[in-house]
Amino acid sequence: MINLDYTEHLVAEVRVVNNDLFELVLDRNGLEFAPGDCTAIYTDTDKSRPYSISSGANENELRFTVRKMEGGEVSPWLMDRQPGDTLRITPPFGWFRPGQEIDEAPFVFIATGTGIAPFLSYQKTFEHPPAHCLYGVRRGADAIGFTELHDWCPTLLAVSREQTTKHHHGRVTDLLNRLPIDSDTHYYCCGLESMVNEVSAWLQANGIALMHIHREVFFHG
């Protein structure tokens, strides 16, 4: 069944980072959202996938950080869009609210890949930074927004699929022992399910209550 509850948005730009990573930029067209929200984007054959908004809530454009999946039904099509094309997207939805509604408690961001999107949205919306940010990518060039995050708050980058002397070579979970561990701190995890589960288990084993661990799992297609 086709979801008729959508708004139309013009493509402003497709910023290609590399062969399988890009930023999709749309005109905002009055869409209201909060950092952490997702929206489903439709193809011309009515296939859709949810993508987290990576732009700030007060910016004039909508940005999405997208990984192109070989054989995917939506992401390769989105990567081929041209300025002026029209896309249909649903109203924003979701419950993930990084750094929000926690009564000034300290908080930490942990992300892999395009799971950085809601944290970029937060950074572009609010002045108060997290106590720490861990960011895992496959290659150094995949680290969209890293420089801005690093300038804004203590941010460590893990690069898993290429050698690096500037950052940690390995998985982002290798850096968990660098996190501040405190029962009052809230931990926001976003990315692949395996990472989110591993981080959650590690935090609980180190005395962090489940209610202080906030999770958002990313799927691709």
N, C-alpha and C. Protein backbone atom coordinates (compact mmCIF):
# COMPACT_ATOMS: atom_id res chain seq x y z
N MET A 1 0.84 -1.20 0.00
CA MET A 1 0.00 0.00 0.00
C MET A 1 0.88 1.25 0.00
N ILE A 2 0.54 2.22 -0.81
CA ILE A 2 1.29 3.46 -0.89
C ILE A 2 0.88 4.39 0.24
N ASN A 3 1.87 4.92 0.95
CA ASN A 3 1.61 5.90 2.00
C ASN A 3 1.40 7.27 1.36
N LEU A 4 0.20 7.80 1.44
CA LEU A 4 -0.11 9.08 0.82
C LEU A 4 0.20 10.26 1.73
N ASP A 5 0.65 9.98 2.96
CA ASP A 5 0.96 11.04 3.91
C ASP A 5 2.42 11.43 3.74
N TYR A 6 2.69 12.33 2.80
CA TYR A 6 4.06 12.74 2.54
C TYR A 6 4.07 14.18 2.05
N THR A 7 5.26 14.77 2.05
CA THR A 7 5.46 16.09 1.46
C THR A 7 6.50 15.95 0.35
N GLU A 8 6.48 16.89 -0.58
CA GLU A 8 7.41 16.86 -1.70
C GLU A 8 8.52 17.88 -1.48
N HIS A 9 9.74 17.46 -1.83
CA HIS A 9 10.93 18.29 -1.61
C HIS A 9 11.84 18.21 -2.82
N LEU A 10 12.38 19.35 -3.23
CA LEU A 10 13.30 19.40 -4.35
C LEU A 10 14.70 19.02 -3.91
N VAL A 11 15.38 18.26 -4.76
CA VAL A 11 16.79 17.94 -4.51
C VAL A 11 17.62 19.19 -4.81
N ALA A 12 18.40 19.62 -3.81
CA ALA A 12 19.32 20.74 -4.02
C ALA A 12 20.68 20.25 -4.48
N GLU A 13 21.11 19.09 -3.93
CA GLU A 13 22.46 18.60 -4.24
C GLU A 13 22.59 17.17 -3.75
N VAL A 14 23.41 16.39 -4.43
CA VAL A 14 23.88 15.10 -3.93
C VAL A 14 25.39 15.23 -3.80
N ARG A 15 25.88 15.30 -2.57
CA ARG A 15 27.31 15.48 -2.31
C ARG A 15 27.96 14.10 -2.17
N VAL A 16 28.63 13.66 -3.20
CA VAL A 16 29.24 12.34 -3.20
C VAL A 16 30.55 12.39 -2.43
N VAL A 17 30.64 11.58 -1.39
CA VAL A 17 31.86 11.49 -0.59
C VAL A 17 32.82 10.48 -1.20
N ASN A 18 32.30 9.32 -1.56
CA ASN A 18 33.07 8.29 -2.25
C ASN A 18 32.08 7.36 -2.95
N ASN A 19 32.53 6.21 -3.38
CA ASN A 19 31.68 5.33 -4.19
C ASN A 19 30.42 4.85 -3.48
N ASP A 20 30.44 4.81 -2.16
CA ASP A 20 29.27 4.27 -1.45
C ASP A 20 28.78 5.14 -0.30
N LEU A 21 29.15 6.42 -0.31
CA LEU A 21 28.69 7.31 0.75
C LEU A 21 28.39 8.68 0.15
N PHE A 22 27.24 9.24 0.55
CA PHE A 22 26.87 10.55 0.01
C PHE A 22 25.95 11.27 0.98
N GLU A 23 25.86 12.59 0.79
CA GLU A 23 24.91 13.42 1.51
C GLU A 23 23.83 13.87 0.53
N LEU A 24 22.59 13.60 0.87
CA LEU A 24 21.45 14.04 0.09
C LEU A 24 20.92 15.34 0.70
N VAL A 25 20.87 16.38 -0.11
CA VAL A 25 20.45 17.70 0.37
C VAL A 25 19.15 18.08 -0.33
N LEU A 26 18.11 18.37 0.46
CA LEU A 26 16.80 18.74 -0.07
C LEU A 26 16.40 20.12 0.44
N ASP A 27 15.49 20.77 -0.29
CA ASP A 27 14.90 21.97 0.28
C ASP A 27 13.98 21.55 1.44
N ARG A 28 13.87 22.40 2.42
CA ARG A 28 13.15 22.02 3.64
C ARG A 28 11.64 22.01 3.47
N ASN A 29 11.12 22.96 2.74
CA ASN A 29 9.68 23.05 2.47
C ASN A 29 8.85 23.02 3.75
N GLY A 30 9.33 23.71 4.78
CA GLY A 30 8.56 23.88 6.00
C GLY A 30 8.52 22.69 6.94
N LEU A 31 9.27 21.63 6.66
CA LEU A 31 9.22 20.43 7.50
C LEU A 31 9.80 20.70 8.87
N GLU A 32 9.06 20.36 9.91
CA GLU A 32 9.53 20.52 11.29
C GLU A 32 10.00 19.18 11.84
N PHE A 33 11.13 19.19 12.56
CA PHE A 33 11.66 17.96 13.13
C PHE A 33 12.53 18.28 14.33
N ALA A 34 12.86 17.26 15.10
CA ALA A 34 13.80 17.37 16.21
C ALA A 34 15.00 16.49 15.92
N PRO A 35 16.20 16.86 16.39
CA PRO A 35 17.37 16.00 16.19
C PRO A 35 17.10 14.58 16.72
N GLY A 36 17.36 13.61 15.89
CA GLY A 36 17.04 12.22 16.20
C GLY A 36 15.90 11.68 15.37
N ASP A 37 15.12 12.56 14.76
CA ASP A 37 14.01 12.12 13.93
C ASP A 37 14.49 11.47 12.63
N CYS A 38 13.68 10.54 12.15
CA CYS A 38 13.87 9.92 10.84
C CYS A 38 12.70 10.31 9.94
N THR A 39 12.89 10.10 8.66
CA THR A 39 11.79 10.22 7.72
C THR A 39 11.99 9.16 6.64
N ALA A 40 10.91 8.61 6.14
CA ALA A 40 11.02 7.63 5.05
C ALA A 40 11.03 8.38 3.72
N ILE A 41 11.96 8.01 2.85
CA ILE A 41 12.08 8.63 1.54
C ILE A 41 11.65 7.61 0.49
N TYR A 42 10.81 8.05 -0.45
CA TYR A 42 10.25 7.17 -1.48
C TYR A 42 10.99 7.30 -2.80
N THR A 43 11.08 6.17 -3.51
CA THR A 43 11.55 6.19 -4.90
C THR A 43 10.35 6.39 -5.82
N ASP A 44 10.63 6.47 -7.12
CA ASP A 44 9.53 6.63 -8.08
C ASP A 44 8.75 5.33 -8.28
N THR A 45 9.22 4.23 -7.69
CA THR A 45 8.47 2.97 -7.75
C THR A 45 7.86 2.64 -6.39
N ASP A 46 7.80 3.65 -5.51
CA ASP A 46 7.16 3.53 -4.20
C ASP A 46 7.87 2.60 -3.23
N LYS A 47 9.15 2.36 -3.44
CA LYS A 47 9.99 1.73 -2.41
C LYS A 47 10.42 2.83 -1.44
N SER A 48 10.61 2.48 -0.19
CA SER A 48 11.03 3.50 0.76
C SER A 48 11.95 2.89 1.82
N ARG A 49 12.78 3.76 2.40
CA ARG A 49 13.62 3.41 3.54
C ARG A 49 13.64 4.60 4.50
N PRO A 50 13.77 4.33 5.81
CA PRO A 50 13.90 5.45 6.76
C PRO A 50 15.34 5.93 6.83
N TYR A 51 15.51 7.24 6.88
CA TYR A 51 16.83 7.85 7.02
C TYR A 51 16.76 8.93 8.09
N SER A 52 17.78 8.96 8.94
CA SER A 52 17.84 9.96 9.99
C SER A 52 18.28 11.30 9.40
N ILE A 53 17.66 12.37 9.84
CA ILE A 53 18.00 13.72 9.38
C ILE A 53 19.30 14.15 10.03
N SER A 54 20.24 14.66 9.24
CA SER A 54 21.53 15.08 9.79
C SER A 54 21.70 16.59 9.83
N SER A 55 20.76 17.34 9.31
CA SER A 55 20.85 18.80 9.36
C SER A 55 20.27 19.32 10.67
N GLY A 56 20.61 20.56 11.00
CA GLY A 56 20.10 21.18 12.21
C GLY A 56 18.64 21.56 12.09
N ALA A 57 17.96 21.60 13.23
CA ALA A 57 16.52 21.87 13.23
C ALA A 57 16.19 23.29 12.80
N ASN A 58 17.17 24.18 12.76
CA ASN A 58 16.92 25.57 12.38
C ASN A 58 17.51 25.93 11.03
N GLU A 59 18.06 24.96 10.32
CA GLU A 59 18.64 25.22 9.00
C GLU A 59 17.56 25.25 7.92
N ASN A 60 17.91 25.82 6.79
CA ASN A 60 16.94 25.96 5.70
C ASN A 60 16.88 24.74 4.79
N GLU A 61 17.81 23.80 4.96
CA GLU A 61 17.84 22.62 4.12
C GLU A 61 17.72 21.36 4.96
N LEU A 62 17.33 20.27 4.30
CA LEU A 62 17.31 18.95 4.92
C LEU A 62 18.49 18.16 4.37
N ARG A 63 19.28 17.56 5.26
CA ARG A 63 20.39 16.73 4.84
C ARG A 63 20.24 15.32 5.40
N PHE A 64 20.64 14.37 4.60
CA PHE A 64 20.65 12.96 5.00
C PHE A 64 22.01 12.38 4.64
N THR A 65 22.62 11.66 5.57
CA THR A 65 23.89 10.99 5.32
C THR A 65 23.58 9.54 4.99
N VAL A 66 23.88 9.12 3.76
CA VAL A 66 23.38 7.85 3.24
C VAL A 66 24.54 7.00 2.73
N ARG A 67 24.50 5.71 3.07
CA ARG A 67 25.44 4.74 2.49
C ARG A 67 24.74 4.00 1.35
N LYS A 68 25.36 4.01 0.18
CA LYS A 68 24.84 3.28 -0.96
C LYS A 68 25.08 1.78 -0.77
N MET A 69 24.02 1.01 -0.84
CA MET A 69 24.11 -0.44 -0.69
C MET A 69 23.97 -1.10 -2.05
N GLU A 70 24.97 -1.87 -2.45
CA GLU A 70 24.88 -2.58 -3.72
C GLU A 70 23.66 -3.51 -3.72
N GLY A 71 22.83 -3.40 -4.74
CA GLY A 71 21.62 -4.21 -4.79
C GLY A 71 20.48 -3.62 -3.99
N GLY A 72 20.71 -2.48 -3.32
CA GLY A 72 19.65 -1.86 -2.54
C GLY A 72 18.56 -1.29 -3.44
N GLU A 73 17.37 -1.17 -2.89
CA GLU A 73 16.23 -0.69 -3.68
C GLU A 73 16.06 0.82 -3.62
N VAL A 74 16.70 1.47 -2.65
CA VAL A 74 16.49 2.91 -2.47
C VAL A 74 17.78 3.71 -2.56
N SER A 75 18.81 3.33 -1.81
CA SER A 75 20.01 4.16 -1.72
C SER A 75 20.72 4.37 -3.07
N PRO A 76 20.87 3.35 -3.95
CA PRO A 76 21.49 3.64 -5.25
C PRO A 76 20.67 4.62 -6.09
N TRP A 77 19.35 4.50 -5.99
CA TRP A 77 18.47 5.41 -6.72
C TRP A 77 18.63 6.84 -6.20
N LEU A 78 18.72 6.99 -4.88
CA LEU A 78 18.90 8.33 -4.31
C LEU A 78 20.23 8.95 -4.73
N MET A 79 21.26 8.12 -4.81
CA MET A 79 22.58 8.64 -5.17
C MET A 79 22.59 9.20 -6.60
N ASP A 80 21.68 8.71 -7.44
CA ASP A 80 21.60 9.15 -8.83
C ASP A 80 20.70 10.36 -9.04
N ARG A 81 20.09 10.90 -7.98
CA ARG A 81 19.20 12.04 -8.16
C ARG A 81 20.00 13.27 -8.60
N GLN A 82 19.28 14.19 -9.27
CA GLN A 82 19.87 15.41 -9.79
C GLN A 82 19.18 16.63 -9.18
N PRO A 83 19.89 17.77 -9.08
CA PRO A 83 19.24 18.99 -8.59
C PRO A 83 17.97 19.30 -9.38
N GLY A 84 16.92 19.60 -8.65
CA GLY A 84 15.63 19.88 -9.27
C GLY A 84 14.68 18.71 -9.27
N ASP A 85 15.19 17.48 -9.06
CA ASP A 85 14.30 16.34 -8.93
C ASP A 85 13.43 16.49 -7.69
N THR A 86 12.26 15.89 -7.72
CA THR A 86 11.34 15.94 -6.58
C THR A 86 11.33 14.60 -5.86
N LEU A 87 11.44 14.65 -4.53
CA LEU A 87 11.35 13.45 -3.71
C LEU A 87 10.18 13.57 -2.75
N ARG A 88 9.56 12.45 -2.46
CA ARG A 88 8.47 12.39 -1.48
C ARG A 88 9.02 11.81 -0.18
N ILE A 89 8.73 12.50 0.92
CA ILE A 89 9.16 12.00 2.23
C ILE A 89 8.00 12.09 3.22
N THR A 90 8.02 11.17 4.17
CA THR A 90 6.96 11.14 5.18
C THR A 90 7.22 12.19 6.26
N PRO A 91 6.23 12.47 7.09
CA PRO A 91 6.48 13.31 8.25
C PRO A 91 7.54 12.66 9.14
N PRO A 92 8.35 13.46 9.85
CA PRO A 92 9.38 12.91 10.72
C PRO A 92 8.78 12.03 11.82
N PHE A 93 9.55 11.04 12.23
CA PHE A 93 9.10 10.14 13.31
C PHE A 93 10.32 9.64 14.07
N GLY A 94 10.07 9.06 15.24
CA GLY A 94 11.14 8.46 16.03
C GLY A 94 11.09 8.92 17.47
N TRP A 95 11.80 8.17 18.30
CA TRP A 95 11.84 8.46 19.74
C TRP A 95 13.26 8.78 20.20
N PHE A 96 14.27 8.60 19.35
CA PHE A 96 15.66 8.84 19.73
C PHE A 96 15.89 10.34 19.85
N ARG A 97 16.32 10.80 21.03
CA ARG A 97 16.49 12.22 21.29
C ARG A 97 17.85 12.47 21.94
N PRO A 98 18.93 12.41 21.18
CA PRO A 98 20.26 12.56 21.77
C PRO A 98 20.44 13.88 22.49
N GLY A 99 20.88 13.79 23.74
CA GLY A 99 21.18 14.97 24.53
C GLY A 99 19.99 15.79 24.96
N GLN A 100 18.78 15.30 24.76
CA GLN A 100 17.58 16.07 25.06
C GLN A 100 16.76 15.37 26.15
N GLU A 101 16.01 16.14 26.90
CA GLU A 101 15.05 15.62 27.90
C GLU A 101 15.74 14.81 28.99
N ILE A 102 16.95 15.24 29.40
CA ILE A 102 17.63 14.52 30.49
C ILE A 102 18.04 15.45 31.63
N ASP A 103 17.41 16.62 31.71
CA ASP A 103 17.57 17.52 32.86
C ASP A 103 19.03 17.84 33.16
N GLU A 104 19.78 18.25 32.15
CA GLU A 104 21.15 18.74 32.29
C GLU A 104 22.14 17.67 32.74
N ALA A 105 21.78 16.41 32.70
CA ALA A 105 22.72 15.35 33.03
C ALA A 105 23.79 15.27 31.94
N PRO A 106 25.02 14.86 32.29
CA PRO A 106 26.04 14.68 31.25
C PRO A 106 25.66 13.55 30.31
N PHE A 107 26.17 13.62 29.07
CA PHE A 107 25.83 12.59 28.10
C PHE A 107 26.99 12.37 27.14
N VAL A 108 26.95 11.21 26.47
CA VAL A 108 28.01 10.76 25.57
C VAL A 108 27.37 10.27 24.28
N PHE A 109 28.04 10.51 23.14
CA PHE A 109 27.59 10.01 21.85
C PHE A 109 28.54 8.90 21.37
N ILE A 110 27.97 7.82 20.83
CA ILE A 110 28.75 6.72 20.24
C ILE A 110 28.08 6.35 18.92
N ALA A 111 28.84 6.39 17.82
CA ALA A 111 28.24 6.15 16.51
C ALA A 111 29.17 5.36 15.62
N THR A 112 28.58 4.62 14.69
CA THR A 112 29.33 4.03 13.58
C THR A 112 28.69 4.47 12.28
N GLY A 113 29.54 4.76 11.28
CA GLY A 113 29.07 5.06 9.93
C GLY A 113 28.04 6.17 9.89
N THR A 114 26.97 5.93 9.13
CA THR A 114 25.93 6.94 8.98
C THR A 114 25.11 7.11 10.26
N GLY A 115 25.38 6.29 11.25
CA GLY A 115 24.75 6.49 12.57
C GLY A 115 25.16 7.79 13.23
N ILE A 116 26.12 8.50 12.64
CA ILE A 116 26.51 9.81 13.15
C ILE A 116 25.44 10.87 12.86
N ALA A 117 24.51 10.58 11.94
CA ALA A 117 23.55 11.58 11.46
C ALA A 117 22.78 12.30 12.57
N PRO A 118 22.13 11.59 13.52
CA PRO A 118 21.39 12.33 14.53
C PRO A 118 22.27 13.17 15.44
N PHE A 119 23.53 12.77 15.59
CA PHE A 119 24.45 13.55 16.42
C PHE A 119 24.91 14.81 15.68
N LEU A 120 25.06 14.72 14.36
CA LEU A 120 25.34 15.91 13.58
C LEU A 120 24.17 16.89 13.66
N SER A 121 22.94 16.35 13.62
CA SER A 121 21.76 17.19 13.74
C SER A 121 21.73 17.89 15.09
N TYR A 122 22.06 17.15 16.14
CA TYR A 122 22.12 17.76 17.48
C TYR A 122 23.17 18.86 17.50
N GLN A 123 24.36 18.59 16.97
CA GLN A 123 25.46 19.55 17.00
C GLN A 123 25.10 20.84 16.26
N LYS A 124 24.30 20.71 15.18
CA LYS A 124 23.89 21.87 14.41
C LYS A 124 22.70 22.61 15.03
N THR A 125 22.12 22.04 16.09
CA THR A 125 20.92 22.61 16.69
C THR A 125 21.16 23.21 18.07
N PHE A 126 21.97 22.54 18.89
CA PHE A 126 22.16 22.93 20.29
C PHE A 126 23.61 23.33 20.55
N GLU A 127 23.79 24.22 21.52
CA GLU A 127 25.13 24.68 21.87
C GLU A 127 25.82 23.74 22.86
N HIS A 128 25.06 23.07 23.73
CA HIS A 128 25.65 22.27 24.80
C HIS A 128 26.20 20.96 24.24
N PRO A 129 27.52 20.73 24.32
CA PRO A 129 28.10 19.53 23.71
C PRO A 129 28.06 18.33 24.65
N PRO A 130 28.22 17.13 24.10
CA PRO A 130 28.37 15.95 24.94
C PRO A 130 29.71 15.97 25.66
N ALA A 131 29.83 15.16 26.69
CA ALA A 131 31.10 15.06 27.41
C ALA A 131 32.15 14.37 26.56
N HIS A 132 31.70 13.51 25.64
CA HIS A 132 32.63 12.75 24.82
C HIS A 132 31.87 12.20 23.61
N CYS A 133 32.61 11.93 22.54
CA CYS A 133 32.01 11.31 21.35
C CYS A 133 32.99 10.28 20.79
N LEU A 134 32.49 9.08 20.53
CA LEU A 134 33.25 8.04 19.83
C LEU A 134 32.60 7.83 18.47
N TYR A 135 33.43 7.76 17.41
CA TYR A 135 32.93 7.72 16.04
C TYR A 135 33.73 6.67 15.29
N GLY A 136 33.05 5.65 14.79
CA GLY A 136 33.71 4.59 14.05
C GLY A 136 33.33 4.60 12.58
N VAL A 137 34.32 4.50 11.70
CA VAL A 137 34.09 4.47 10.26
C VAL A 137 34.94 3.38 9.63
N ARG A 138 34.63 3.04 8.38
CA ARG A 138 35.44 2.06 7.65
C ARG A 138 36.75 2.67 7.18
N ARG A 139 36.67 3.86 6.60
CA ARG A 139 37.82 4.57 6.07
C ARG A 139 37.80 6.00 6.59
N GLY A 140 38.98 6.61 6.67
CA GLY A 140 39.04 7.96 7.19
C GLY A 140 38.19 8.94 6.42
N ALA A 141 38.10 8.75 5.10
CA ALA A 141 37.31 9.65 4.26
C ALA A 141 35.81 9.53 4.53
N ASP A 142 35.39 8.47 5.23
CA ASP A 142 33.97 8.30 5.54
C ASP A 142 33.51 9.16 6.71
N ALA A 143 34.43 9.79 7.40
CA ALA A 143 34.11 10.46 8.67
C ALA A 143 33.49 11.84 8.43
N ILE A 144 32.29 11.83 7.90
CA ILE A 144 31.56 13.08 7.66
C ILE A 144 31.34 13.82 8.97
N GLY A 145 31.70 15.10 9.00
CA GLY A 145 31.46 15.93 10.18
C GLY A 145 32.47 15.76 11.29
N PHE A 146 33.50 14.93 11.10
CA PHE A 146 34.43 14.68 12.20
C PHE A 146 35.15 15.94 12.67
N THR A 147 35.63 16.76 11.74
CA THR A 147 36.38 17.96 12.13
C THR A 147 35.53 18.87 13.00
N GLU A 148 34.28 19.09 12.60
CA GLU A 148 33.39 19.94 13.38
C GLU A 148 33.10 19.34 14.75
N LEU A 149 32.88 18.03 14.80
CA LEU A 149 32.65 17.38 16.09
C LEU A 149 33.87 17.49 16.98
N HIS A 150 35.05 17.25 16.41
CA HIS A 150 36.29 17.30 17.19
C HIS A 150 36.54 18.69 17.75
N ASP A 151 36.19 19.72 16.98
CA ASP A 151 36.36 21.09 17.46
C ASP A 151 35.34 21.45 18.53
N TRP A 152 34.25 20.73 18.57
CA TRP A 152 33.12 21.04 19.46
C TRP A 152 33.20 20.29 20.78
N CYS A 153 33.67 19.05 20.75
CA CYS A 153 33.72 18.24 21.97
C CYS A 153 34.83 17.20 21.82
N PRO A 154 35.30 16.58 22.92
CA PRO A 154 36.32 15.54 22.81
C PRO A 154 35.80 14.37 21.97
N THR A 155 36.38 14.17 20.78
CA THR A 155 35.91 13.16 19.83
C THR A 155 37.06 12.27 19.40
N LEU A 156 36.87 10.96 19.51
CA LEU A 156 37.86 9.99 19.05
C LEU A 156 37.30 9.24 17.85
N LEU A 157 38.15 9.05 16.85
CA LEU A 157 37.76 8.38 15.62
C LEU A 157 38.45 7.03 15.52
N ALA A 158 37.68 5.99 15.20
CA ALA A 158 38.22 4.66 14.94
C ALA A 158 38.00 4.32 13.47
N VAL A 159 39.06 3.88 12.80
CA VAL A 159 39.01 3.54 11.38
C VAL A 159 39.30 2.05 11.25
N SER A 160 38.35 1.29 10.74
CA SER A 160 38.45 -0.16 10.81
C SER A 160 39.07 -0.83 9.60
N ARG A 161 39.00 -0.24 8.41
CA ARG A 161 39.38 -0.96 7.20
C ARG A 161 40.56 -0.38 6.44
N GLU A 162 41.29 0.54 7.05
CA GLU A 162 42.52 1.02 6.45
C GLU A 162 43.48 1.44 7.56
N GLN A 163 44.75 1.38 7.28
CA GLN A 163 45.75 1.77 8.26
C GLN A 163 45.71 3.29 8.46
N THR A 164 45.95 3.71 9.68
CA THR A 164 45.98 5.13 9.99
C THR A 164 46.95 5.38 11.13
N THR A 165 47.68 6.46 11.06
CA THR A 165 48.55 6.85 12.17
C THR A 165 47.95 8.00 12.96
N LYS A 166 46.96 8.65 12.37
CA LYS A 166 46.35 9.82 13.02
C LYS A 166 45.24 9.42 13.98
N HIS A 167 44.55 8.33 13.68
CA HIS A 167 43.42 7.89 14.49
C HIS A 167 43.62 6.43 14.90
N HIS A 168 42.69 5.92 15.69
CA HIS A 168 42.77 4.52 16.11
C HIS A 168 42.45 3.60 14.94
N HIS A 169 43.29 2.59 14.74
CA HIS A 169 43.00 1.59 13.72
C HIS A 169 42.30 0.42 14.39
N GLY A 170 41.02 0.24 14.07
CA GLY A 170 40.22 -0.81 14.68
C GLY A 170 38.78 -0.38 14.81
N ARG A 171 38.06 -1.07 15.67
CA ARG A 171 36.64 -0.81 15.83
C ARG A 171 36.39 0.23 16.92
N VAL A 172 35.25 0.88 16.82
CA VAL A 172 34.95 1.92 17.80
C VAL A 172 34.82 1.33 19.20
N THR A 173 34.43 0.07 19.30
CA THR A 173 34.30 -0.54 20.62
C THR A 173 35.66 -0.73 21.30
N ASP A 174 36.74 -0.65 20.54
CA ASP A 174 38.07 -0.70 21.16
C ASP A 174 38.32 0.51 22.04
N LEU A 175 37.56 1.58 21.84
CA LEU A 175 37.78 2.84 22.54
C LEU A 175 36.87 3.02 23.75
N LEU A 176 36.08 2.02 24.07
CA LEU A 176 35.11 2.18 25.16
C LEU A 176 35.79 2.49 26.49
N ASN A 177 36.99 1.95 26.69
CA ASN A 177 37.66 2.22 27.96
C ASN A 177 38.16 3.65 28.08
N ARG A 178 37.99 4.45 27.01
CA ARG A 178 38.34 5.87 27.05
C ARG A 178 37.16 6.75 27.47
N LEU A 179 35.99 6.12 27.61
CA LEU A 179 34.79 6.87 27.98
C LEU A 179 34.76 7.20 29.47
N PRO A 180 34.19 8.36 29.82
CA PRO A 180 33.88 8.61 31.23
C PRO A 180 32.72 7.71 31.66
N ILE A 181 32.92 6.96 32.73
CA ILE A 181 31.89 6.06 33.23
C ILE A 181 31.35 6.60 34.54
N ASP A 182 30.09 6.96 34.51
CA ASP A 182 29.46 7.55 35.70
C ASP A 182 27.98 7.22 35.66
N SER A 183 27.42 6.89 36.81
CA SER A 183 26.02 6.46 36.86
C SER A 183 25.04 7.56 36.49
N ASP A 184 25.46 8.82 36.53
CA ASP A 184 24.58 9.93 36.16
C ASP A 184 24.62 10.23 34.66
N THR A 185 25.60 9.70 33.96
CA THR A 185 25.78 10.01 32.54
C THR A 185 24.83 9.18 31.68
N HIS A 186 24.34 9.79 30.61
CA HIS A 186 23.51 9.09 29.63
C HIS A 186 24.35 8.80 28.39
N TYR A 187 24.15 7.62 27.82
CA TYR A 187 24.95 7.15 26.69
C TYR A 187 24.02 6.92 25.49
N TYR A 188 24.29 7.63 24.39
CA TYR A 188 23.48 7.53 23.18
C TYR A 188 24.27 6.77 22.11
N CYS A 189 23.74 5.63 21.67
CA CYS A 189 24.41 4.76 20.71
C CYS A 189 23.60 4.70 19.43
N CYS A 190 24.26 4.90 18.30
CA CYS A 190 23.56 4.85 17.02
C CYS A 190 24.45 4.25 15.95
N GLY A 191 23.93 3.26 15.24
CA GLY A 191 24.70 2.62 14.18
C GLY A 191 24.27 1.19 13.98
N LEU A 192 25.22 0.35 13.57
CA LEU A 192 24.91 -1.04 13.33
C LEU A 192 24.49 -1.75 14.60
N GLU A 193 23.56 -2.69 14.46
CA GLU A 193 23.00 -3.38 15.62
C GLU A 193 24.08 -4.09 16.43
N SER A 194 25.07 -4.69 15.77
CA SER A 194 26.12 -5.40 16.50
C SER A 194 26.89 -4.46 17.41
N MET A 195 27.20 -3.26 16.92
CA MET A 195 27.90 -2.27 17.75
C MET A 195 27.03 -1.82 18.91
N VAL A 196 25.78 -1.49 18.61
CA VAL A 196 24.88 -1.01 19.65
C VAL A 196 24.72 -2.05 20.75
N ASN A 197 24.57 -3.31 20.38
CA ASN A 197 24.44 -4.37 21.38
C ASN A 197 25.71 -4.54 22.20
N GLU A 198 26.86 -4.48 21.54
CA GLU A 198 28.13 -4.65 22.24
C GLU A 198 28.37 -3.51 23.22
N VAL A 199 28.10 -2.29 22.78
CA VAL A 199 28.27 -1.14 23.67
C VAL A 199 27.32 -1.22 24.86
N SER A 200 26.07 -1.59 24.60
CA SER A 200 25.09 -1.70 25.68
C SER A 200 25.53 -2.72 26.72
N ALA A 201 26.01 -3.87 26.26
CA ALA A 201 26.45 -4.91 27.19
C ALA A 201 27.66 -4.44 27.99
N TRP A 202 28.59 -3.75 27.34
CA TRP A 202 29.78 -3.25 28.03
C TRP A 202 29.41 -2.21 29.09
N LEU A 203 28.52 -1.30 28.73
CA LEU A 203 28.11 -0.27 29.69
C LEU A 203 27.42 -0.89 30.90
N GLN A 204 26.52 -1.84 30.66
CA GLN A 204 25.84 -2.49 31.77
C GLN A 204 26.82 -3.27 32.65
N ALA A 205 27.79 -3.91 32.03
CA ALA A 205 28.81 -4.63 32.81
C ALA A 205 29.65 -3.68 33.65
N ASN A 206 29.69 -2.41 33.25
CA ASN A 206 30.44 -1.40 34.01
C ASN A 206 29.54 -0.53 34.88
N GLY A 207 28.36 -1.02 35.16
CA GLY A 207 27.51 -0.39 36.16
C GLY A 207 26.55 0.67 35.68
N ILE A 208 26.37 0.80 34.36
CA ILE A 208 25.44 1.79 33.84
C ILE A 208 24.05 1.17 33.71
N ALA A 209 23.08 1.85 34.28
CA ALA A 209 21.70 1.35 34.24
C ALA A 209 21.16 1.38 32.81
N LEU A 210 20.33 0.40 32.48
CA LEU A 210 19.78 0.30 31.14
C LEU A 210 19.01 1.56 30.76
N MET A 211 18.36 2.20 31.74
CA MET A 211 17.59 3.40 31.44
C MET A 211 18.48 4.59 31.03
N HIS A 212 19.78 4.47 31.24
CA HIS A 212 20.71 5.52 30.83
C HIS A 212 21.41 5.19 29.51
N ILE A 213 20.99 4.09 28.87
CA ILE A 213 21.56 3.69 27.59
C ILE A 213 20.48 3.84 26.52
N HIS A 214 20.68 4.75 25.60
CA HIS A 214 19.69 5.07 24.57
C HIS A 214 20.19 4.56 23.23
N ARG A 215 19.37 3.81 22.52
CA ARG A 215 19.81 3.06 21.36
C ARG A 215 19.00 3.41 20.12
N GLU A 216 19.70 3.48 18.99
CA GLU A 216 19.05 3.64 17.68
C GLU A 216 19.83 2.77 16.70
N VAL A 217 19.17 1.78 16.14
CA VAL A 217 19.82 0.85 15.22
C VAL A 217 19.55 1.30 13.79
N PHE A 218 20.62 1.33 12.97
CA PHE A 218 20.50 1.73 11.56
C PHE A 218 20.49 0.51 10.66
N PHE A 219 19.56 0.51 9.71
CA PHE A 219 19.53 -0.49 8.66
C PHE A 219 19.72 0.22 7.33
N HIS A 220 20.17 -0.52 6.33
CA HIS A 220 20.45 0.08 5.03
C HIS A 220 19.66 -0.64 3.94
N GLY A 221 19.47 0.06 2.82
CA GLY A 221 18.81 -0.59 1.70
C GLY A 221 18.61 0.35 0.53
